[in-house]
Amino acid sequence: MSEQKKKKTRYYYSEYVNHMVRFYLTCPDAIKTDGKRRADIENWIAVQGVMHDLPDDEREKVLSVYRTHYNLPKAVDMYCQKTGAESLDIWAMLTRVAGMIARRRGLV
């Protein structure tokens, strides 16, 4: 496989979206707004909206990767080892979902 195909795409919003998803996972059912910054609430709403729109199987894959306390590359590797999924397929899905979240949040 060529180096170009192995390269994972990173956008300027990647780390911020990763932070948003991990924050969402601290309270996926509802967010208590008391004491939360407006940005945190808007971030949660953006992630929740995208997660709600995803097909169930895709949502579970995304959340399974993000639920680990590892950095994303290690989390993807662990998920792929556990499930037999193709790494490039998971990265493509995560990149697409991150773009959806970034658009919904108004980052792009």
PDB file of N, CA and C in Angstrom:
ATOM      1  N   MET A   1       0.851  -1.175   0.000  1.00  0.00           N
ATOM      2  CA  MET A   1       0.000   0.000   0.000  1.00  0.00           C
ATOM      3  C   MET A   1       0.895   1.236   0.000  1.00  0.00           C
ATOM      4  N   SER A   2       0.554   2.198  -0.806  1.00  0.00           N
ATOM      5  CA  SER A   2       1.375   3.391  -0.913  1.00  0.00           C
ATOM      6  C   SER A   2       1.238   4.260   0.323  1.00  0.00           C
ATOM      7  N   GLU A   3       2.229   5.120   0.544  1.00  0.00           N
ATOM      8  CA  GLU A   3       2.198   6.040   1.685  1.00  0.00           C
ATOM      9  C   GLU A   3       1.008   6.980   1.597  1.00  0.00           C
ATOM     10  N   GLN A   4       0.631   7.370   0.385  1.00  0.00           N
ATOM     11  CA  GLN A   4      -0.488   8.282   0.219  1.00  0.00           C
ATOM     12  C   GLN A   4      -1.789   7.642   0.714  1.00  0.00           C
ATOM     13  N   LYS A   5      -1.993   6.370   0.453  1.00  0.00           N
ATOM     14  CA  LYS A   5      -3.201   5.692   0.892  1.00  0.00           C
ATOM     15  C   LYS A   5      -3.209   5.481   2.399  1.00  0.00           C
ATOM     16  N   LYS A   6      -2.035   5.353   3.016  1.00  0.00           N
ATOM     17  CA  LYS A   6      -1.952   5.134   4.454  1.00  0.00           C
ATOM     18  C   LYS A   6      -2.197   6.410   5.248  1.00  0.00           C
ATOM     19  N   LYS A   7      -1.980   7.539   4.623  1.00  0.00           N
ATOM     20  CA  LYS A   7      -2.063   8.816   5.329  1.00  0.00           C
ATOM     21  C   LYS A   7      -3.492   9.103   5.783  1.00  0.00           C
ATOM     22  N   LYS A   8      -3.635   9.458   7.046  1.00  0.00           N
ATOM     23  CA  LYS A   8      -4.937   9.814   7.596  1.00  0.00           C
ATOM     24  C   LYS A   8      -5.146  11.309   7.406  1.00  0.00           C
ATOM     25  N   THR A   9      -6.334  11.681   7.010  1.00  0.00           N
ATOM     26  CA  THR A   9      -6.638  13.084   6.766  1.00  0.00           C
ATOM     27  C   THR A   9      -6.899  13.790   8.079  1.00  0.00           C
ATOM     28  N   ARG A  10      -6.242  14.943   8.259  1.00  0.00           N
ATOM     29  CA  ARG A  10      -6.464  15.772   9.437  1.00  0.00           C
ATOM     30  C   ARG A  10      -6.814  17.165   8.953  1.00  0.00           C
ATOM     31  N   TYR A  11      -7.861  17.684   9.512  1.00  0.00           N
ATOM     32  CA  TYR A  11      -8.300  19.024   9.186  1.00  0.00           C
ATOM     33  C   TYR A  11      -8.069  19.922  10.385  1.00  0.00           C
ATOM     34  N   TYR A  12      -8.153  21.229  10.171  1.00  0.00           N
ATOM     35  CA  TYR A  12      -7.913  22.172  11.255  1.00  0.00           C
ATOM     36  C   TYR A  12      -8.898  21.977  12.406  1.00  0.00           C
ATOM     37  N   TYR A  13     -10.039  21.403  12.150  1.00  0.00           N
ATOM     38  CA  TYR A  13     -11.047  21.223  13.187  1.00  0.00           C
ATOM     39  C   TYR A  13     -10.998  19.836  13.836  1.00  0.00           C
ATOM     40  N   SER A  14     -10.103  18.977  13.402  1.00  0.00           N
ATOM     41  CA  SER A  14     -10.088  17.586  13.873  1.00  0.00           C
ATOM     42  C   SER A  14      -9.994  17.460  15.388  1.00  0.00           C
ATOM     43  N   GLU A  15      -9.016  18.125  15.989  1.00  0.00           N
ATOM     44  CA  GLU A  15      -8.844  18.011  17.441  1.00  0.00           C
ATOM     45  C   GLU A  15     -10.041  18.583  18.189  1.00  0.00           C
ATOM     46  N   TYR A  16     -10.586  19.691  17.690  1.00  0.00           N
ATOM     47  CA  TYR A  16     -11.735  20.304  18.342  1.00  0.00           C
ATOM     48  C   TYR A  16     -12.947  19.382  18.276  1.00  0.00           C
ATOM     49  N   VAL A  17     -13.180  18.764  17.133  1.00  0.00           N
ATOM     50  CA  VAL A  17     -14.295  17.836  16.992  1.00  0.00           C
ATOM     51  C   VAL A  17     -14.077  16.622  17.898  1.00  0.00           C
ATOM     52  N   ASN A  18     -12.854  16.130  17.988  1.00  0.00           N
ATOM     53  CA  ASN A  18     -12.566  15.015  18.900  1.00  0.00           C
ATOM     54  C   ASN A  18     -12.932  15.396  20.328  1.00  0.00           C
ATOM     55  N   HIS A  19     -12.557  16.607  20.730  1.00  0.00           N
ATOM     56  CA  HIS A  19     -12.904  17.115  22.063  1.00  0.00           C
ATOM     57  C   HIS A  19     -14.428  17.175  22.226  1.00  0.00           C
ATOM     58  N   MET A  20     -15.118  17.647  21.215  1.00  0.00           N
ATOM     59  CA  MET A  20     -16.573  17.762  21.262  1.00  0.00           C
ATOM     60  C   MET A  20     -17.234  16.394  21.461  1.00  0.00           C
ATOM     61  N   VAL A  21     -16.761  15.402  20.735  1.00  0.00           N
ATOM     62  CA  VAL A  21     -17.359  14.069  20.829  1.00  0.00           C
ATOM     63  C   VAL A  21     -17.085  13.473  22.207  1.00  0.00           C
ATOM     64  N   ARG A  22     -15.878  13.633  22.703  1.00  0.00           N
ATOM     65  CA  ARG A  22     -15.566  13.085  24.032  1.00  0.00           C
ATOM     66  C   ARG A  22     -16.382  13.797  25.116  1.00  0.00           C
ATOM     67  N   PHE A  23     -16.604  15.107  24.972  1.00  0.00           N
ATOM     68  CA  PHE A  23     -17.455  15.824  25.913  1.00  0.00           C
ATOM     69  C   PHE A  23     -18.888  15.297  25.822  1.00  0.00           C
ATOM     70  N   TYR A  24     -19.380  15.098  24.626  1.00  0.00           N
ATOM     71  CA  TYR A  24     -20.719  14.554  24.419  1.00  0.00           C
ATOM     72  C   TYR A  24     -20.876  13.226  25.149  1.00  0.00           C
ATOM     73  N   LEU A  25     -19.856  12.395  25.106  1.00  0.00           N
ATOM     74  CA  LEU A  25     -19.937  11.074  25.735  1.00  0.00           C
ATOM     75  C   LEU A  25     -19.984  11.137  27.258  1.00  0.00           C
ATOM     76  N   THR A  26     -19.649  12.280  27.851  1.00  0.00           N
ATOM     77  CA  THR A  26     -19.762  12.395  29.307  1.00  0.00           C
ATOM     78  C   THR A  26     -21.221  12.505  29.730  1.00  0.00           C
ATOM     79  N   CYS A  27     -22.086  12.904  28.810  1.00  0.00           N
ATOM     80  CA  CYS A  27     -23.516  13.056  29.119  1.00  0.00           C
ATOM     81  C   CYS A  27     -24.326  12.904  27.826  1.00  0.00           C
ATOM     82  N   PRO A  28     -24.345  11.692  27.239  1.00  0.00           N
ATOM     83  CA  PRO A  28     -24.971  11.523  25.924  1.00  0.00           C
ATOM     84  C   PRO A  28     -26.495  11.645  25.903  1.00  0.00           C
ATOM     85  N   ASP A  29     -27.138  11.469  27.026  1.00  0.00           N
ATOM     86  CA  ASP A  29     -28.602  11.499  27.037  1.00  0.00           C
ATOM     87  C   ASP A  29     -29.157  12.911  27.130  1.00  0.00           C
ATOM     88  N   ALA A  30     -28.499  13.759  27.890  1.00  0.00           N
ATOM     89  CA  ALA A  30     -28.950  15.142  28.070  1.00  0.00           C
ATOM     90  C   ALA A  30     -27.813  15.932  28.693  1.00  0.00           C
ATOM     91  N   ILE A  31     -27.807  17.218  28.448  1.00  0.00           N
ATOM     92  CA  ILE A  31     -26.777  18.072  29.025  1.00  0.00           C
ATOM     93  C   ILE A  31     -27.436  19.018  30.020  1.00  0.00           C
ATOM     94  N   LYS A  32     -26.844  19.112  31.188  1.00  0.00           N
ATOM     95  CA  LYS A  32     -27.311  20.086  32.179  1.00  0.00           C
ATOM     96  C   LYS A  32     -26.649  21.412  31.840  1.00  0.00           C
ATOM     97  N   THR A  33     -27.451  22.412  31.638  1.00  0.00           N
ATOM     98  CA  THR A  33     -26.914  23.693  31.175  1.00  0.00           C
ATOM     99  C   THR A  33     -26.391  24.570  32.305  1.00  0.00           C
ATOM    100  N   ASP A  34     -26.747  24.271  33.538  1.00  0.00           N
ATOM    101  CA  ASP A  34     -26.271  25.082  34.664  1.00  0.00           C
ATOM    102  C   ASP A  34     -24.749  25.066  34.723  1.00  0.00           C
ATOM    103  N   GLY A  35     -24.166  26.244  34.661  1.00  0.00           N
ATOM    104  CA  GLY A  35     -22.720  26.372  34.772  1.00  0.00           C
ATOM    105  C   GLY A  35     -21.942  26.019  33.518  1.00  0.00           C
ATOM    106  N   LYS A  36     -22.617  25.616  32.465  1.00  0.00           N
ATOM    107  CA  LYS A  36     -21.927  25.279  31.214  1.00  0.00           C
ATOM    108  C   LYS A  36     -21.804  26.523  30.343  1.00  0.00           C
ATOM    109  N   ARG A  37     -20.683  26.609  29.650  1.00  0.00           N
ATOM    110  CA  ARG A  37     -20.500  27.703  28.702  1.00  0.00           C
ATOM    111  C   ARG A  37     -21.384  27.469  27.486  1.00  0.00           C
ATOM    112  N   ARG A  38     -21.750  28.560  26.854  1.00  0.00           N
ATOM    113  CA  ARG A  38     -22.594  28.470  25.653  1.00  0.00           C
ATOM    114  C   ARG A  38     -21.925  27.596  24.589  1.00  0.00           C
ATOM    115  N   ALA A  39     -20.616  27.738  24.433  1.00  0.00           N
ATOM    116  CA  ALA A  39     -19.889  26.942  23.435  1.00  0.00           C
ATOM    117  C   ALA A  39     -20.013  25.449  23.737  1.00  0.00           C
ATOM    118  N   ASP A  40     -19.927  25.069  25.014  1.00  0.00           N
ATOM    119  CA  ASP A  40     -20.066  23.656  25.374  1.00  0.00           C
ATOM    120  C   ASP A  40     -21.453  23.135  25.011  1.00  0.00           C
ATOM    121  N   ILE A  41     -22.456  23.941  25.281  1.00  0.00           N
ATOM    122  CA  ILE A  41     -23.832  23.539  24.965  1.00  0.00           C
ATOM    123  C   ILE A  41     -24.006  23.405  23.457  1.00  0.00           C
ATOM    124  N   GLU A  42     -23.504  24.364  22.692  1.00  0.00           N
ATOM    125  CA  GLU A  42     -23.612  24.303  21.230  1.00  0.00           C
ATOM    126  C   GLU A  42     -22.823  23.128  20.668  1.00  0.00           C
ATOM    127  N   ASN A  43     -21.672  22.838  21.260  1.00  0.00           N
ATOM    128  CA  ASN A  43     -20.889  21.673  20.834  1.00  0.00           C
ATOM    129  C   ASN A  43     -21.679  20.394  21.054  1.00  0.00           C
ATOM    130  N   TRP A  44     -22.276  20.263  22.235  1.00  0.00           N
ATOM    131  CA  TRP A  44     -23.047  19.070  22.569  1.00  0.00           C
ATOM    132  C   TRP A  44     -24.211  18.904  21.602  1.00  0.00           C
ATOM    133  N   ILE A  45     -24.909  19.989  21.334  1.00  0.00           N
ATOM    134  CA  ILE A  45     -26.063  19.945  20.431  1.00  0.00           C
ATOM    135  C   ILE A  45     -25.637  19.514  19.027  1.00  0.00           C
ATOM    136  N   ALA A  46     -24.498  20.023  18.560  1.00  0.00           N
ATOM    137  CA  ALA A  46     -24.006  19.653  17.230  1.00  0.00           C
ATOM    138  C   ALA A  46     -23.695  18.159  17.159  1.00  0.00           C
ATOM    139  N   VAL A  47     -22.990  17.640  18.151  1.00  0.00           N
ATOM    140  CA  VAL A  47     -22.642  16.219  18.147  1.00  0.00           C
ATOM    141  C   VAL A  47     -23.907  15.371  18.277  1.00  0.00           C
ATOM    142  N   GLN A  48     -24.792  15.749  19.173  1.00  0.00           N
ATOM    143  CA  GLN A  48     -26.026  15.003  19.388  1.00  0.00           C
ATOM    144  C   GLN A  48     -26.849  14.938  18.106  1.00  0.00           C
ATOM    145  N   GLY A  49     -26.920  16.041  17.382  1.00  0.00           N
ATOM    146  CA  GLY A  49     -27.670  16.066  16.135  1.00  0.00           C
ATOM    147  C   GLY A  49     -27.104  15.120  15.099  1.00  0.00           C
ATOM    148  N   VAL A  50     -25.790  15.121  14.955  1.00  0.00           N
ATOM    149  CA  VAL A  50     -25.155  14.219  13.982  1.00  0.00           C
ATOM    150  C   VAL A  50     -25.321  12.773  14.423  1.00  0.00           C
ATOM    151  N   MET A  51     -25.105  12.486  15.697  1.00  0.00           N
ATOM    152  CA  MET A  51     -25.244  11.108  16.183  1.00  0.00           C
ATOM    153  C   MET A  51     -26.673  10.605  15.968  1.00  0.00           C
ATOM    154  N   HIS A  52     -27.630  11.475  16.175  1.00  0.00           N
ATOM    155  CA  HIS A  52     -29.035  11.112  15.981  1.00  0.00           C
ATOM    156  C   HIS A  52     -29.326  10.776  14.512  1.00  0.00           C
ATOM    157  N   ASP A  53     -28.654  11.460  13.595  1.00  0.00           N
ATOM    158  CA  ASP A  53     -28.893  11.263  12.169  1.00  0.00           C
ATOM    159  C   ASP A  53     -28.170  10.044  11.579  1.00  0.00           C
ATOM    160  N   LEU A  54     -27.155   9.542  12.276  1.00  0.00           N
ATOM    161  CA  LEU A  54     -26.386   8.408  11.756  1.00  0.00           C
ATOM    162  C   LEU A  54     -27.189   7.112  11.856  1.00  0.00           C
ATOM    163  N   PRO A  55     -26.964   6.186  10.926  1.00  0.00           N
ATOM    164  CA  PRO A  55     -27.551   4.851  11.081  1.00  0.00           C
ATOM    165  C   PRO A  55     -27.021   4.210  12.376  1.00  0.00           C
ATOM    166  N   ASP A  56     -27.817   3.377  12.999  1.00  0.00           N
ATOM    167  CA  ASP A  56     -27.451   2.786  14.292  1.00  0.00           C
ATOM    168  C   ASP A  56     -26.088   2.106  14.276  1.00  0.00           C
ATOM    169  N   ASP A  57     -25.821   1.307  13.253  1.00  0.00           N
ATOM    170  CA  ASP A  57     -24.551   0.574  13.223  1.00  0.00           C
ATOM    171  C   ASP A  57     -23.361   1.526  13.110  1.00  0.00           C
ATOM    172  N   GLU A  58     -23.510   2.572  12.338  1.00  0.00           N
ATOM    173  CA  GLU A  58     -22.427   3.535  12.184  1.00  0.00           C
ATOM    174  C   GLU A  58     -22.216   4.334  13.477  1.00  0.00           C
ATOM    175  N   ARG A  59     -23.305   4.737  14.100  1.00  0.00           N
ATOM    176  CA  ARG A  59     -23.211   5.462  15.364  1.00  0.00           C
ATOM    177  C   ARG A  59     -22.472   4.617  16.402  1.00  0.00           C
ATOM    178  N   GLU A  60     -22.799   3.346  16.475  1.00  0.00           N
ATOM    179  CA  GLU A  60     -22.146   2.472  17.452  1.00  0.00           C
ATOM    180  C   GLU A  60     -20.648   2.330  17.175  1.00  0.00           C
ATOM    181  N   LYS A  61     -20.276   2.265  15.904  1.00  0.00           N
ATOM    182  CA  LYS A  61     -18.853   2.188  15.569  1.00  0.00           C
ATOM    183  C   LYS A  61     -18.125   3.453  16.020  1.00  0.00           C
ATOM    184  N   VAL A  62     -18.699   4.613  15.700  1.00  0.00           N
ATOM    185  CA  VAL A  62     -18.078   5.886  16.075  1.00  0.00           C
ATOM    186  C   VAL A  62     -17.948   5.981  17.594  1.00  0.00           C
ATOM    187  N   LEU A  63     -19.017   5.695  18.293  1.00  0.00           N
ATOM    188  CA  LEU A  63     -18.998   5.817  19.747  1.00  0.00           C
ATOM    189  C   LEU A  63     -18.078   4.794  20.396  1.00  0.00           C
ATOM    190  N   SER A  64     -17.993   3.601  19.823  1.00  0.00           N
ATOM    191  CA  SER A  64     -17.086   2.581  20.357  1.00  0.00           C
ATOM    192  C   SER A  64     -15.640   3.042  20.291  1.00  0.00           C
ATOM    193  N   VAL A  65     -15.279   3.676  19.191  1.00  0.00           N
ATOM    194  CA  VAL A  65     -13.908   4.179  19.059  1.00  0.00           C
ATOM    195  C   VAL A  65     -13.657   5.296  20.061  1.00  0.00           C
ATOM    196  N   TYR A  66     -14.578   6.220  20.171  1.00  0.00           N
ATOM    197  CA  TYR A  66     -14.382   7.379  21.043  1.00  0.00           C
ATOM    198  C   TYR A  66     -14.523   7.056  22.528  1.00  0.00           C
ATOM    199  N   ARG A  67     -15.187   5.974  22.879  1.00  0.00           N
ATOM    200  CA  ARG A  67     -15.374   5.641  24.294  1.00  0.00           C
ATOM    201  C   ARG A  67     -14.080   5.231  24.985  1.00  0.00           C
ATOM    202  N   THR A  68     -13.104   4.821  24.232  1.00  0.00           N
ATOM    203  CA  THR A  68     -11.831   4.444  24.864  1.00  0.00           C
ATOM    204  C   THR A  68     -11.151   5.705  25.380  1.00  0.00           C
ATOM    205  N   HIS A  69     -10.248   5.523  26.284  1.00  0.00           N
ATOM    206  CA  HIS A  69      -9.514   6.661  26.827  1.00  0.00           C
ATOM    207  C   HIS A  69      -8.144   6.791  26.162  1.00  0.00           C
ATOM    208  N   TYR A  70      -8.031   6.240  24.971  1.00  0.00           N
ATOM    209  CA  TYR A  70      -6.788   6.305  24.216  1.00  0.00           C
ATOM    210  C   TYR A  70      -6.897   7.383  23.150  1.00  0.00           C
ATOM    211  N   ASN A  71      -5.729   7.758  22.609  1.00  0.00           N
ATOM    212  CA  ASN A  71      -5.778   8.692  21.483  1.00  0.00           C
ATOM    213  C   ASN A  71      -6.437   7.972  20.308  1.00  0.00           C
ATOM    214  N   LEU A  72      -6.907   8.747  19.370  1.00  0.00           N
ATOM    215  CA  LEU A  72      -7.713   8.187  18.288  1.00  0.00           C
ATOM    216  C   LEU A  72      -6.997   7.112  17.464  1.00  0.00           C
ATOM    217  N   PRO A  73      -5.735   7.302  17.070  1.00  0.00           N
ATOM    218  CA  PRO A  73      -5.087   6.226  16.308  1.00  0.00           C
ATOM    219  C   PRO A  73      -5.048   4.898  17.067  1.00  0.00           C
ATOM    220  N   LYS A  74      -4.729   4.949  18.341  1.00  0.00           N
ATOM    221  CA  LYS A  74      -4.696   3.706  19.133  1.00  0.00           C
ATOM    222  C   LYS A  74      -6.104   3.141  19.287  1.00  0.00           C
ATOM    223  N   ALA A  75      -7.088   4.011  19.493  1.00  0.00           N
ATOM    224  CA  ALA A  75      -8.472   3.559  19.634  1.00  0.00           C
ATOM    225  C   ALA A  75      -8.954   2.871  18.361  1.00  0.00           C
ATOM    226  N   VAL A  76      -8.604   3.436  17.204  1.00  0.00           N
ATOM    227  CA  VAL A  76      -8.990   2.817  15.930  1.00  0.00           C
ATOM    228  C   VAL A  76      -8.301   1.466  15.774  1.00  0.00           C
ATOM    229  N   ASP A  77      -7.020   1.403  16.079  1.00  0.00           N
ATOM    230  CA  ASP A  77      -6.298   0.128  15.980  1.00  0.00           C
ATOM    231  C   ASP A  77      -6.933  -0.930  16.878  1.00  0.00           C
ATOM    232  N   MET A  78      -7.252  -0.548  18.106  1.00  0.00           N
ATOM    233  CA  MET A  78      -7.865  -1.492  19.040  1.00  0.00           C
ATOM    234  C   MET A  78      -9.232  -1.950  18.544  1.00  0.00           C
ATOM    235  N   TYR A  79     -10.023  -1.011  18.032  1.00  0.00           N
ATOM    236  CA  TYR A  79     -11.345  -1.360  17.511  1.00  0.00           C
ATOM    237  C   TYR A  79     -11.217  -2.342  16.346  1.00  0.00           C
ATOM    238  N   CYS A  80     -10.288  -2.079  15.457  1.00  0.00           N
ATOM    239  CA  CYS A  80     -10.100  -2.944  14.285  1.00  0.00           C
ATOM    240  C   CYS A  80      -9.616  -4.338  14.692  1.00  0.00           C
ATOM    241  N   GLN A  81      -8.728  -4.394  15.660  1.00  0.00           N
ATOM    242  CA  GLN A  81      -8.262  -5.697  16.140  1.00  0.00           C
ATOM    243  C   GLN A  81      -9.409  -6.476  16.777  1.00  0.00           C
ATOM    244  N   LYS A  82     -10.245  -5.789  17.522  1.00  0.00           N
ATOM    245  CA  LYS A  82     -11.356  -6.429  18.230  1.00  0.00           C
ATOM    246  C   LYS A  82     -12.448  -6.910  17.278  1.00  0.00           C
ATOM    247  N   THR A  83     -12.743  -6.111  16.256  1.00  0.00           N
ATOM    248  CA  THR A  83     -13.883  -6.405  15.389  1.00  0.00           C
ATOM    249  C   THR A  83     -13.512  -6.973  14.023  1.00  0.00           C
ATOM    250  N   GLY A  84     -12.256  -6.826  13.629  1.00  0.00           N
ATOM    251  CA  GLY A  84     -11.851  -7.266  12.298  1.00  0.00           C
ATOM    252  C   GLY A  84     -12.159  -6.250  11.209  1.00  0.00           C
ATOM    253  N   ALA A  85     -12.583  -5.053  11.608  1.00  0.00           N
ATOM    254  CA  ALA A  85     -12.886  -3.996  10.636  1.00  0.00           C
ATOM    255  C   ALA A  85     -11.596  -3.514   9.980  1.00  0.00           C
ATOM    256  N   GLU A  86     -11.729  -2.982   8.789  1.00  0.00           N
ATOM    257  CA  GLU A  86     -10.591  -2.424   8.072  1.00  0.00           C
ATOM    258  C   GLU A  86     -10.288  -1.025   8.598  1.00  0.00           C
ATOM    259  N   SER A  87      -9.054  -0.772   8.918  1.00  0.00           N
ATOM    260  CA  SER A  87      -8.631   0.509   9.479  1.00  0.00           C
ATOM    261  C   SER A  87      -8.988   1.682   8.569  1.00  0.00           C
ATOM    262  N   LEU A  88      -8.730   1.541   7.277  1.00  0.00           N
ATOM    263  CA  LEU A  88      -9.025   2.637   6.351  1.00  0.00           C
ATOM    264  C   LEU A  88     -10.521   2.943   6.284  1.00  0.00           C
ATOM    265  N   ASP A  89     -11.344   1.914   6.416  1.00  0.00           N
ATOM    266  CA  ASP A  89     -12.795   2.128   6.415  1.00  0.00           C
ATOM    267  C   ASP A  89     -13.227   2.904   7.655  1.00  0.00           C
ATOM    268  N   ILE A  90     -12.664   2.560   8.789  1.00  0.00           N
ATOM    269  CA  ILE A  90     -13.005   3.251  10.039  1.00  0.00           C
ATOM    270  C   ILE A  90     -12.522   4.691   9.984  1.00  0.00           C
ATOM    271  N   TRP A  91     -11.302   4.906   9.498  1.00  0.00           N
ATOM    272  CA  TRP A  91     -10.786   6.281   9.393  1.00  0.00           C
ATOM    273  C   TRP A  91     -11.646   7.109   8.431  1.00  0.00           C
ATOM    274  N   ALA A  92     -12.060   6.508   7.325  1.00  0.00           N
ATOM    275  CA  ALA A  92     -12.901   7.237   6.367  1.00  0.00           C
ATOM    276  C   ALA A  92     -14.228   7.625   7.014  1.00  0.00           C
ATOM    277  N   MET A  93     -14.807   6.718   7.776  1.00  0.00           N
ATOM    278  CA  MET A  93     -16.067   7.003   8.452  1.00  0.00           C
ATOM    279  C   MET A  93     -15.875   8.106   9.495  1.00  0.00           C
ATOM    280  N   LEU A  94     -14.809   8.008  10.300  1.00  0.00           N
ATOM    281  CA  LEU A  94     -14.555   9.020  11.330  1.00  0.00           C
ATOM    282  C   LEU A  94     -14.305  10.395  10.712  1.00  0.00           C
ATOM    283  N   THR A  95     -13.599  10.432   9.607  1.00  0.00           N
ATOM    284  CA  THR A  95     -13.328  11.696   8.919  1.00  0.00           C
ATOM    285  C   THR A  95     -14.629  12.300   8.390  1.00  0.00           C
ATOM    286  N   ARG A  96     -15.477  11.460   7.813  1.00  0.00           N
ATOM    287  CA  ARG A  96     -16.762  11.931   7.294  1.00  0.00           C
ATOM    288  C   ARG A  96     -17.653  12.450   8.422  1.00  0.00           C
ATOM    289  N   VAL A  97     -17.726  11.717   9.531  1.00  0.00           N
ATOM    290  CA  VAL A  97     -18.561  12.123  10.662  1.00  0.00           C
ATOM    291  C   VAL A  97     -18.010  13.404  11.295  1.00  0.00           C
ATOM    292  N   ALA A  98     -16.694  13.507  11.408  1.00  0.00           N
ATOM    293  CA  ALA A  98     -16.097  14.732  11.956  1.00  0.00           C
ATOM    294  C   ALA A  98     -16.458  15.931  11.085  1.00  0.00           C
ATOM    295  N   GLY A  99     -16.453  15.745   9.781  1.00  0.00           N
ATOM    296  CA  GLY A  99     -16.849  16.824   8.877  1.00  0.00           C
ATOM    297  C   GLY A  99     -18.306  17.213   9.061  1.00  0.00           C
ATOM    298  N   MET A 100     -19.159  16.228   9.286  1.00  0.00           N
ATOM    299  CA  MET A 100     -20.578  16.502   9.529  1.00  0.00           C
ATOM    300  C   MET A 100     -20.750  17.317  10.813  1.00  0.00           C
ATOM    301  N   ILE A 101     -20.009  16.927  11.847  1.00  0.00           N
ATOM    302  CA  ILE A 101     -20.087  17.650  13.123  1.00  0.00           C
ATOM    303  C   ILE A 101     -19.567  19.065  12.958  1.00  0.00           C
ATOM    304  N   ALA A 102     -18.438  19.210  12.271  1.00  0.00           N
ATOM    305  CA  ALA A 102     -17.860  20.537  12.063  1.00  0.00           C
ATOM    306  C   ALA A 102     -18.810  21.445  11.291  1.00  0.00           C
ATOM    307  N   ARG A 103     -19.456  20.890  10.271  1.00  0.00           N
ATOM    308  CA  ARG A 103     -20.436  21.693   9.511  1.00  0.00           C
ATOM    309  C   ARG A 103     -21.630  22.077  10.372  1.00  0.00           C
ATOM    310  N   ARG A 104     -22.127  21.125  11.143  1.00  0.00           N
ATOM    311  CA  ARG A 104     -23.282  21.419  11.984  1.00  0.00           C
ATOM    312  C   ARG A 104     -22.944  22.471  13.035  1.00  0.00           C
ATOM    313  N   ARG A 105     -21.699  22.474  13.496  1.00  0.00           N
ATOM    314  CA  ARG A 105     -21.274  23.441  14.511  1.00  0.00           C
ATOM    315  C   ARG A 105     -20.878  24.776  13.897  1.00  0.00           C
ATOM    316  N   GLY A 106     -20.774  24.831  12.572  1.00  0.00           N
ATOM    317  CA  GLY A 106     -20.421  26.061  11.898  1.00  0.00           C
ATOM    318  C   GLY A 106     -18.931  26.312  11.805  1.00  0.00           C
ATOM    319  N   LEU A 107     -18.145  25.246  11.906  1.00  0.00           N
ATOM    320  CA  LEU A 107     -16.688  25.383  11.816  1.00  0.00           C
ATOM    321  C   LEU A 107     -16.202  25.411  10.381  1.00  0.00           C
ATOM    322  N   VAL A 108     -17.017  24.937   9.465  1.00  0.00           N
ATOM    323  CA  VAL A 108     -16.661  24.964   8.035  1.00  0.00           C
ATOM    324  C   VAL A 108     -17.825  25.513   7.232  1.00  0.00           C
TER     325      VAL A 108
END
